[in-house]
Amino acid sequence: QAVLQAMADLDIDALVYPTGNIPSPILGAPNE
């Protein structure tokens, strides 16, 4: 509801953003 309302009010077709912020970590390393 909140997202669709914003897209309608602002006449937005699509959104853009980073898929994720943290690049690939070492296997077995602690989680960021």
PDB file of all heavy atoms in Angstrom:
ATOM      1  N   GLN A   1       0.820  -1.209   0.000  1.00  0.00           N
ATOM      2  CA  GLN A   1       0.000   0.000   0.000  1.00  0.00           C
ATOM      3  C   GLN A   1       0.855   1.260   0.000  1.00  0.00           C
ATOM      4  O   GLN A   1       0.643   2.184  -0.795  1.00  0.00           O
ATOM      5  CB  GLN A   1      -0.928   0.005   1.210  1.00  0.00           C
ATOM      6  CG  GLN A   1      -1.799   1.243   1.329  1.00  0.00           C
ATOM      7  CD  GLN A   1      -2.759   1.372   0.160  1.00  0.00           C
ATOM      8  OE1 GLN A   1      -3.754   0.674   0.096  1.00  0.00           O
ATOM      9  NE2 GLN A   1      -2.459   2.261  -0.773  1.00  0.00           N
ATOM     10  N   ALA A   2       1.846   1.310   0.885  1.00  0.00           N
ATOM     11  CA  ALA A   2       2.687   2.503   0.978  1.00  0.00           C
ATOM     12  C   ALA A   2       3.504   2.716  -0.300  1.00  0.00           C
ATOM     13  O   ALA A   2       3.604   3.838  -0.814  1.00  0.00           O
ATOM     14  CB  ALA A   2       3.611   2.390   2.191  1.00  0.00           C
ATOM     15  N   VAL A   3       4.076   1.650  -0.828  1.00  0.00           N
ATOM     16  CA  VAL A   3       4.935   1.774  -2.007  1.00  0.00           C
ATOM     17  C   VAL A   3       4.114   2.120  -3.245  1.00  0.00           C
ATOM     18  O   VAL A   3       4.476   3.015  -4.027  1.00  0.00           O
ATOM     19  CB  VAL A   3       5.744   0.478  -2.216  1.00  0.00           C
ATOM     20  CG1 VAL A   3       6.494   0.519  -3.548  1.00  0.00           C
ATOM     21  CG2 VAL A   3       6.718   0.275  -1.071  1.00  0.00           C
ATOM     22  N   LEU A   4       3.005   1.425  -3.440  1.00  0.00           N
ATOM     23  CA  LEU A   4       2.178   1.702  -4.612  1.00  0.00           C
ATOM     24  C   LEU A   4       1.576   3.103  -4.559  1.00  0.00           C
ATOM     25  O   LEU A   4       1.425   3.761  -5.600  1.00  0.00           O
ATOM     26  CB  LEU A   4       1.073   0.650  -4.737  1.00  0.00           C
ATOM     27  CG  LEU A   4       1.545  -0.762  -5.103  1.00  0.00           C
ATOM     28  CD1 LEU A   4       0.394  -1.755  -5.012  1.00  0.00           C
ATOM     29  CD2 LEU A   4       2.163  -0.784  -6.502  1.00  0.00           C
ATOM     30  N   GLN A   5       1.248   3.576  -3.369  1.00  0.00           N
ATOM     31  CA  GLN A   5       0.724   4.931  -3.239  1.00  0.00           C
ATOM     32  C   GLN A   5       1.778   5.962  -3.643  1.00  0.00           C
ATOM     33  O   GLN A   5       1.488   6.927  -4.356  1.00  0.00           O
ATOM     34  CB  GLN A   5       0.261   5.191  -1.803  1.00  0.00           C
ATOM     35  CG  GLN A   5      -0.451   6.522  -1.605  1.00  0.00           C
ATOM     36  CD  GLN A   5      -1.799   6.555  -2.313  1.00  0.00           C
ATOM     37  OE1 GLN A   5      -2.527   5.569  -2.295  1.00  0.00           O
ATOM     38  NE2 GLN A   5      -2.129   7.682  -2.930  1.00  0.00           N
ATOM     39  N   ALA A   6       3.007   5.734  -3.200  1.00  0.00           N
ATOM     40  CA  ALA A   6       4.083   6.650  -3.573  1.00  0.00           C
ATOM     41  C   ALA A   6       4.311   6.635  -5.085  1.00  0.00           C
ATOM     42  O   ALA A   6       4.472   7.694  -5.714  1.00  0.00           O
ATOM     43  CB  ALA A   6       5.364   6.260  -2.837  1.00  0.00           C
ATOM     44  N   MET A   7       4.326   5.450  -5.669  1.00  0.00           N
ATOM     45  CA  MET A   7       4.556   5.352  -7.115  1.00  0.00           C
ATOM     46  C   MET A   7       3.437   6.028  -7.896  1.00  0.00           C
ATOM     47  O   MET A   7       3.682   6.673  -8.926  1.00  0.00           O
ATOM     48  CB  MET A   7       4.705   3.883  -7.524  1.00  0.00           C
ATOM     49  CG  MET A   7       5.958   3.218  -6.964  1.00  0.00           C
ATOM     50  SD  MET A   7       6.155   1.475  -7.446  1.00  0.00           S
ATOM     51  CE  MET A   7       6.659   1.661  -9.167  1.00  0.00           C
ATOM     52  N   ALA A   8       2.205   5.906  -7.400  1.00  0.00           N
ATOM     53  CA  ALA A   8       1.083   6.559  -8.077  1.00  0.00           C
ATOM     54  C   ALA A   8       1.160   8.075  -7.936  1.00  0.00           C
ATOM     55  O   ALA A   8       1.004   8.820  -8.914  1.00  0.00           O
ATOM     56  CB  ALA A   8      -0.236   6.035  -7.513  1.00  0.00           C
ATOM     57  N   ASP A   9       1.406   8.557  -6.720  1.00  0.00           N
ATOM     58  CA  ASP A   9       1.459   9.999  -6.477  1.00  0.00           C
ATOM     59  C   ASP A   9       2.565  10.677  -7.282  1.00  0.00           C
ATOM     60  O   ASP A   9       2.396  11.783  -7.803  1.00  0.00           O
ATOM     61  CB  ASP A   9       1.697  10.267  -4.991  1.00  0.00           C
ATOM     62  CG  ASP A   9       0.413  10.279  -4.191  1.00  0.00           C
ATOM     63  OD1 ASP A   9      -0.656  10.003  -4.770  1.00  0.00           O
ATOM     64  OD2 ASP A   9       0.485  10.557  -2.973  1.00  0.00           O
ATOM     65  N   LEU A  10       3.711  10.006  -7.354  1.00  0.00           N
ATOM     66  CA  LEU A  10       4.884  10.597  -7.994  1.00  0.00           C
ATOM     67  C   LEU A  10       5.008  10.202  -9.459  1.00  0.00           C
ATOM     68  O   LEU A  10       5.977  10.579 -10.121  1.00  0.00           O
ATOM     69  CB  LEU A  10       6.147  10.184  -7.234  1.00  0.00           C
ATOM     70  CG  LEU A  10       6.189  10.596  -5.752  1.00  0.00           C
ATOM     71  CD1 LEU A  10       7.406   9.996  -5.067  1.00  0.00           C
ATOM     72  CD2 LEU A  10       6.185  12.112  -5.616  1.00  0.00           C
ATOM     73  N   ASP A  11       4.037   9.450  -9.961  1.00  0.00           N
ATOM     74  CA  ASP A  11       4.022   9.006 -11.356  1.00  0.00           C
ATOM     75  C   ASP A  11       5.307   8.268 -11.693  1.00  0.00           C
ATOM     76  O   ASP A  11       6.011   8.577 -12.660  1.00  0.00           O
ATOM     77  CB  ASP A  11       3.830  10.203 -12.296  1.00  0.00           C
ATOM     78  CG  ASP A  11       3.521   9.773 -13.727  1.00  0.00           C
ATOM     79  OD1 ASP A  11       3.087   8.622 -13.919  1.00  0.00           O
ATOM     80  OD2 ASP A  11       3.734  10.580 -14.652  1.00  0.00           O
ATOM     81  N   ILE A  12       5.619   7.270 -10.880  1.00  0.00           N
ATOM     82  CA  ILE A  12       6.844   6.486 -11.025  1.00  0.00           C
ATOM     83  C   ILE A  12       6.525   5.179 -11.746  1.00  0.00           C
ATOM     84  O   ILE A  12       5.580   4.473 -11.400  1.00  0.00           O
ATOM     85  CB  ILE A  12       7.451   6.168  -9.637  1.00  0.00           C
ATOM     86  CG1 ILE A  12       7.901   7.459  -8.939  1.00  0.00           C
ATOM     87  CG2 ILE A  12       8.615   5.197  -9.761  1.00  0.00           C
ATOM     88  CD1 ILE A  12       8.250   7.253  -7.481  1.00  0.00           C
ATOM     89  N   ASP A  13       7.359   4.845 -12.739  1.00  0.00           N
ATOM     90  CA  ASP A  13       7.220   3.567 -13.445  1.00  0.00           C
ATOM     91  C   ASP A  13       8.035   2.462 -12.791  1.00  0.00           C
ATOM     92  O   ASP A  13       7.618   1.293 -12.784  1.00  0.00           O
ATOM     93  CB  ASP A  13       7.672   3.715 -14.900  1.00  0.00           C
ATOM     94  CG  ASP A  13       6.801   4.685 -15.675  1.00  0.00           C
ATOM     95  OD1 ASP A  13       5.564   4.566 -15.598  1.00  0.00           O
ATOM     96  OD2 ASP A  13       7.352   5.583 -16.347  1.00  0.00           O
ATOM     97  N   ALA A  14       9.219   2.797 -12.288  1.00  0.00           N
ATOM     98  CA  ALA A  14      10.117   1.781 -11.734  1.00  0.00           C
ATOM     99  C   ALA A  14      11.045   2.433 -10.724  1.00  0.00           C
ATOM    100  O   ALA A  14      11.153   3.663 -10.644  1.00  0.00           O
ATOM    101  CB  ALA A  14      10.920   1.109 -12.841  1.00  0.00           C
ATOM    102  N   LEU A  15      11.726   1.595  -9.956  1.00  0.00           N
ATOM    103  CA  LEU A  15      12.672   2.043  -8.944  1.00  0.00           C
ATOM    104  C   LEU A  15      14.063   1.528  -9.282  1.00  0.00           C
ATOM    105  O   LEU A  15      14.215   0.500  -9.945  1.00  0.00           O
ATOM    106  CB  LEU A  15      12.267   1.518  -7.562  1.00  0.00           C
ATOM    107  CG  LEU A  15      10.843   1.817  -7.102  1.00  0.00           C
ATOM    108  CD1 LEU A  15      10.556   1.110  -5.784  1.00  0.00           C
ATOM    109  CD2 LEU A  15      10.617   3.313  -6.969  1.00  0.00           C
ATOM    110  N   VAL A  16      15.089   2.224  -8.807  1.00  0.00           N
ATOM    111  CA  VAL A  16      16.466   1.796  -8.992  1.00  0.00           C
ATOM    112  C   VAL A  16      17.213   1.936  -7.675  1.00  0.00           C
ATOM    113  O   VAL A  16      17.000   2.910  -6.929  1.00  0.00           O
ATOM    114  CB  VAL A  16      17.164   2.596 -10.114  1.00  0.00           C
ATOM    115  CG1 VAL A  16      17.213   4.092  -9.802  1.00  0.00           C
ATOM    116  CG2 VAL A  16      18.570   2.061 -10.387  1.00  0.00           C
ATOM    117  N   TYR A  17      18.093   0.977  -7.398  1.00  0.00           N
ATOM    118  CA  TYR A  17      18.879   0.982  -6.155  1.00  0.00           C
ATOM    119  C   TYR A  17      19.938  -0.116  -6.264  1.00  0.00           C
ATOM    120  O   TYR A  17      19.862  -0.972  -7.158  1.00  0.00           O
ATOM    121  CB  TYR A  17      17.984   0.740  -4.928  1.00  0.00           C
ATOM    122  CG  TYR A  17      17.138  -0.508  -5.022  1.00  0.00           C
ATOM    123  CD1 TYR A  17      17.620  -1.738  -4.593  1.00  0.00           C
ATOM    124  CD2 TYR A  17      15.863  -0.472  -5.578  1.00  0.00           C
ATOM    125  CE1 TYR A  17      16.855  -2.891  -4.686  1.00  0.00           C
ATOM    126  CE2 TYR A  17      15.092  -1.620  -5.677  1.00  0.00           C
ATOM    127  CZ  TYR A  17      15.600  -2.824  -5.236  1.00  0.00           C
ATOM    128  OH  TYR A  17      14.847  -3.969  -5.349  1.00  0.00           O
ATOM    129  N   PRO A  18      20.928  -0.149  -5.384  1.00  0.00           N
ATOM    130  CA  PRO A  18      21.914  -1.239  -5.434  1.00  0.00           C
ATOM    131  C   PRO A  18      21.224  -2.572  -5.134  1.00  0.00           C
ATOM    132  O   PRO A  18      20.427  -2.666  -4.195  1.00  0.00           O
ATOM    133  CB  PRO A  18      22.912  -0.887  -4.326  1.00  0.00           C
ATOM    134  CG  PRO A  18      22.663   0.555  -4.004  1.00  0.00           C
ATOM    135  CD  PRO A  18      21.221   0.815  -4.307  1.00  0.00           C
ATOM    136  N   THR A  19      21.560  -3.606  -5.898  1.00  0.00           N
ATOM    137  CA  THR A  19      21.040  -4.927  -5.537  1.00  0.00           C
ATOM    138  C   THR A  19      21.444  -5.255  -4.111  1.00  0.00           C
ATOM    139  O   THR A  19      20.641  -5.771  -3.323  1.00  0.00           O
ATOM    140  CB  THR A  19      21.571  -5.998  -6.507  1.00  0.00           C
ATOM    141  OG1 THR A  19      21.245  -5.611  -7.847  1.00  0.00           O
ATOM    142  CG2 THR A  19      20.955  -7.349  -6.207  1.00  0.00           C
ATOM    143  N   GLY A  20      22.675  -4.977  -3.782  1.00  0.00           N
ATOM    144  CA  GLY A  20      23.193  -5.130  -2.421  1.00  0.00           C
ATOM    145  C   GLY A  20      24.403  -4.242  -2.266  1.00  0.00           C
ATOM    146  O   GLY A  20      25.052  -3.884  -3.252  1.00  0.00           O
ATOM    147  N   ASN A  21      24.729  -3.897  -1.037  1.00  0.00           N
ATOM    148  CA  ASN A  21      25.810  -2.932  -0.808  1.00  0.00           C
ATOM    149  C   ASN A  21      27.177  -3.559  -0.572  1.00  0.00           C
ATOM    150  O   ASN A  21      28.200  -2.947  -0.874  1.00  0.00           O
ATOM    151  CB  ASN A  21      25.479  -2.045   0.392  1.00  0.00           C
ATOM    152  CG  ASN A  21      24.341  -1.084   0.137  1.00  0.00           C
ATOM    153  OD1 ASN A  21      23.597  -1.232  -0.833  1.00  0.00           O
ATOM    154  ND2 ASN A  21      24.184  -0.099   1.001  1.00  0.00           N
ATOM    155  N   ILE A  22      27.204  -4.765  -0.008  1.00  0.00           N
ATOM    156  CA  ILE A  22      28.477  -5.364   0.395  1.00  0.00           C
ATOM    157  C   ILE A  22      28.941  -6.345  -0.672  1.00  0.00           C
ATOM    158  O   ILE A  22      28.249  -7.307  -0.981  1.00  0.00           O
ATOM    159  CB  ILE A  22      28.336  -6.089   1.750  1.00  0.00           C
ATOM    160  CG1 ILE A  22      27.827  -5.121   2.821  1.00  0.00           C
ATOM    161  CG2 ILE A  22      29.672  -6.701   2.170  1.00  0.00           C
ATOM    162  CD1 ILE A  22      28.741  -3.945   3.093  1.00  0.00           C
ATOM    163  N   PRO A  23      30.134  -6.119  -1.270  1.00  0.00           N
ATOM    164  CA  PRO A  23      30.637  -7.057  -2.277  1.00  0.00           C
ATOM    165  C   PRO A  23      30.896  -8.438  -1.684  1.00  0.00           C
ATOM    166  O   PRO A  23      30.876  -8.645  -0.466  1.00  0.00           O
ATOM    167  CB  PRO A  23      31.940  -6.388  -2.747  1.00  0.00           C
ATOM    168  CG  PRO A  23      31.790  -4.944  -2.380  1.00  0.00           C
ATOM    169  CD  PRO A  23      30.993  -4.939  -1.115  1.00  0.00           C
ATOM    170  N   SER A  24      31.174  -9.372  -2.550  1.00  0.00           N
ATOM    171  CA  SER A  24      31.347 -10.774  -2.175  1.00  0.00           C
ATOM    172  C   SER A  24      32.423 -10.951  -1.100  1.00  0.00           C
ATOM    173  O   SER A  24      33.576 -10.567  -1.298  1.00  0.00           O
ATOM    174  CB  SER A  24      31.738 -11.573  -3.425  1.00  0.00           C
ATOM    175  OG  SER A  24      32.030 -12.899  -3.102  1.00  0.00           O
ATOM    176  N   PRO A  25      32.067 -11.557   0.050  1.00  0.00           N
ATOM    177  CA  PRO A  25      33.051 -11.776   1.111  1.00  0.00           C
ATOM    178  C   PRO A  25      33.832 -13.075   0.919  1.00  0.00           C
ATOM    179  O   PRO A  25      33.482 -13.916   0.087  1.00  0.00           O
ATOM    180  CB  PRO A  25      32.174 -11.866   2.372  1.00  0.00           C
ATOM    181  CG  PRO A  25      30.894 -12.475   1.872  1.00  0.00           C
ATOM    182  CD  PRO A  25      30.705 -11.938   0.472  1.00  0.00           C
ATOM    183  N   ILE A  26      34.889 -13.236   1.684  1.00  0.00           N
ATOM    184  CA  ILE A  26      35.672 -14.465   1.677  1.00  0.00           C
ATOM    185  C   ILE A  26      34.806 -15.620   2.185  1.00  0.00           C
ATOM    186  O   ILE A  26      34.032 -15.471   3.136  1.00  0.00           O
ATOM    187  CB  ILE A  26      36.924 -14.309   2.567  1.00  0.00           C
ATOM    188  CG1 ILE A  26      37.839 -13.198   2.028  1.00  0.00           C
ATOM    189  CG2 ILE A  26      37.670 -15.630   2.687  1.00  0.00           C
ATOM    190  CD1 ILE A  26      38.572 -13.544   0.761  1.00  0.00           C
ATOM    191  N   LEU A  27      34.934 -16.793   1.559  1.00  0.00           N
ATOM    192  CA  LEU A  27      34.200 -17.970   2.016  1.00  0.00           C
ATOM    193  C   LEU A  27      34.553 -18.292   3.464  1.00  0.00           C
ATOM    194  O   LEU A  27      35.732 -18.367   3.831  1.00  0.00           O
ATOM    195  CB  LEU A  27      34.535 -19.171   1.135  1.00  0.00           C
ATOM    196  CG  LEU A  27      33.988 -19.151  -0.291  1.00  0.00           C
ATOM    197  CD1 LEU A  27      34.642 -20.246  -1.124  1.00  0.00           C
ATOM    198  CD2 LEU A  27      32.479 -19.297  -0.282  1.00  0.00           C
ATOM    199  N   GLY A  28      33.534 -18.445   4.294  1.00  0.00           N
ATOM    200  CA  GLY A  28      33.741 -18.779   5.694  1.00  0.00           C
ATOM    201  C   GLY A  28      34.081 -17.609   6.588  1.00  0.00           C
ATOM    202  O   GLY A  28      34.236 -17.781   7.801  1.00  0.00           O
ATOM    203  N   ALA A  29      34.190 -16.409   6.021  1.00  0.00           N
ATOM    204  CA  ALA A  29      34.497 -15.227   6.827  1.00  0.00           C
ATOM    205  C   ALA A  29      33.276 -14.829   7.655  1.00  0.00           C
ATOM    206  O   ALA A  29      32.142 -15.173   7.315  1.00  0.00           O
ATOM    207  CB  ALA A  29      34.923 -14.065   5.940  1.00  0.00           C
ATOM    208  N   PRO A  30      33.483 -14.080   8.747  1.00  0.00           N
ATOM    209  CA  PRO A  30      32.327 -13.597   9.519  1.00  0.00           C
ATOM    210  C   PRO A  30      31.428 -12.719   8.661  1.00  0.00           C
ATOM    211  O   PRO A  30      31.894 -12.014   7.757  1.00  0.00           O
ATOM    212  CB  PRO A  30      32.979 -12.779  10.650  1.00  0.00           C
ATOM    213  CG  PRO A  30      34.389 -13.253  10.724  1.00  0.00           C
ATOM    214  CD  PRO A  30      34.766 -13.657   9.338  1.00  0.00           C
ATOM    215  N   ASN A  31      30.156 -12.773   8.929  1.00  0.00           N
ATOM    216  CA  ASN A  31      29.212 -11.903   8.228  1.00  0.00           C
ATOM    217  C   ASN A  31      29.482 -10.447   8.549  1.00  0.00           C
ATOM    218  O   ASN A  31      29.809 -10.109   9.699  1.00  0.00           O
ATOM    219  CB  ASN A  31      27.777 -12.227   8.638  1.00  0.00           C
ATOM    220  CG  ASN A  31      27.228 -13.436   7.920  1.00  0.00           C
ATOM    221  OD1 ASN A  31      27.719 -13.814   6.872  1.00  0.00           O
ATOM    222  ND2 ASN A  31      26.213 -14.049   8.492  1.00  0.00           N
ATOM    223  N   GLU A  32      29.348  -9.595   7.562  1.00  0.00           N
ATOM    224  CA  GLU A  32      29.317  -8.162   7.823  1.00  0.00           C
ATOM    225  C   GLU A  32      28.070  -7.895   8.665  1.00  0.00           C
ATOM    226  O   GLU A  32      26.964  -8.292   8.279  1.00  0.00           O
ATOM    227  CB  GLU A  32      29.260  -7.388   6.514  1.00  0.00           C
ATOM    228  CG  GLU A  32      29.207  -5.880   6.662  1.00  0.00           C
ATOM    229  CD  GLU A  32      30.483  -5.301   7.253  1.00  0.00           C
ATOM    230  OE1 GLU A  32      31.534  -5.962   7.207  1.00  0.00           O
ATOM    231  OE2 GLU A  32      30.404  -4.173   7.758  1.00  0.00           O
TER     232      GLU A  32
END
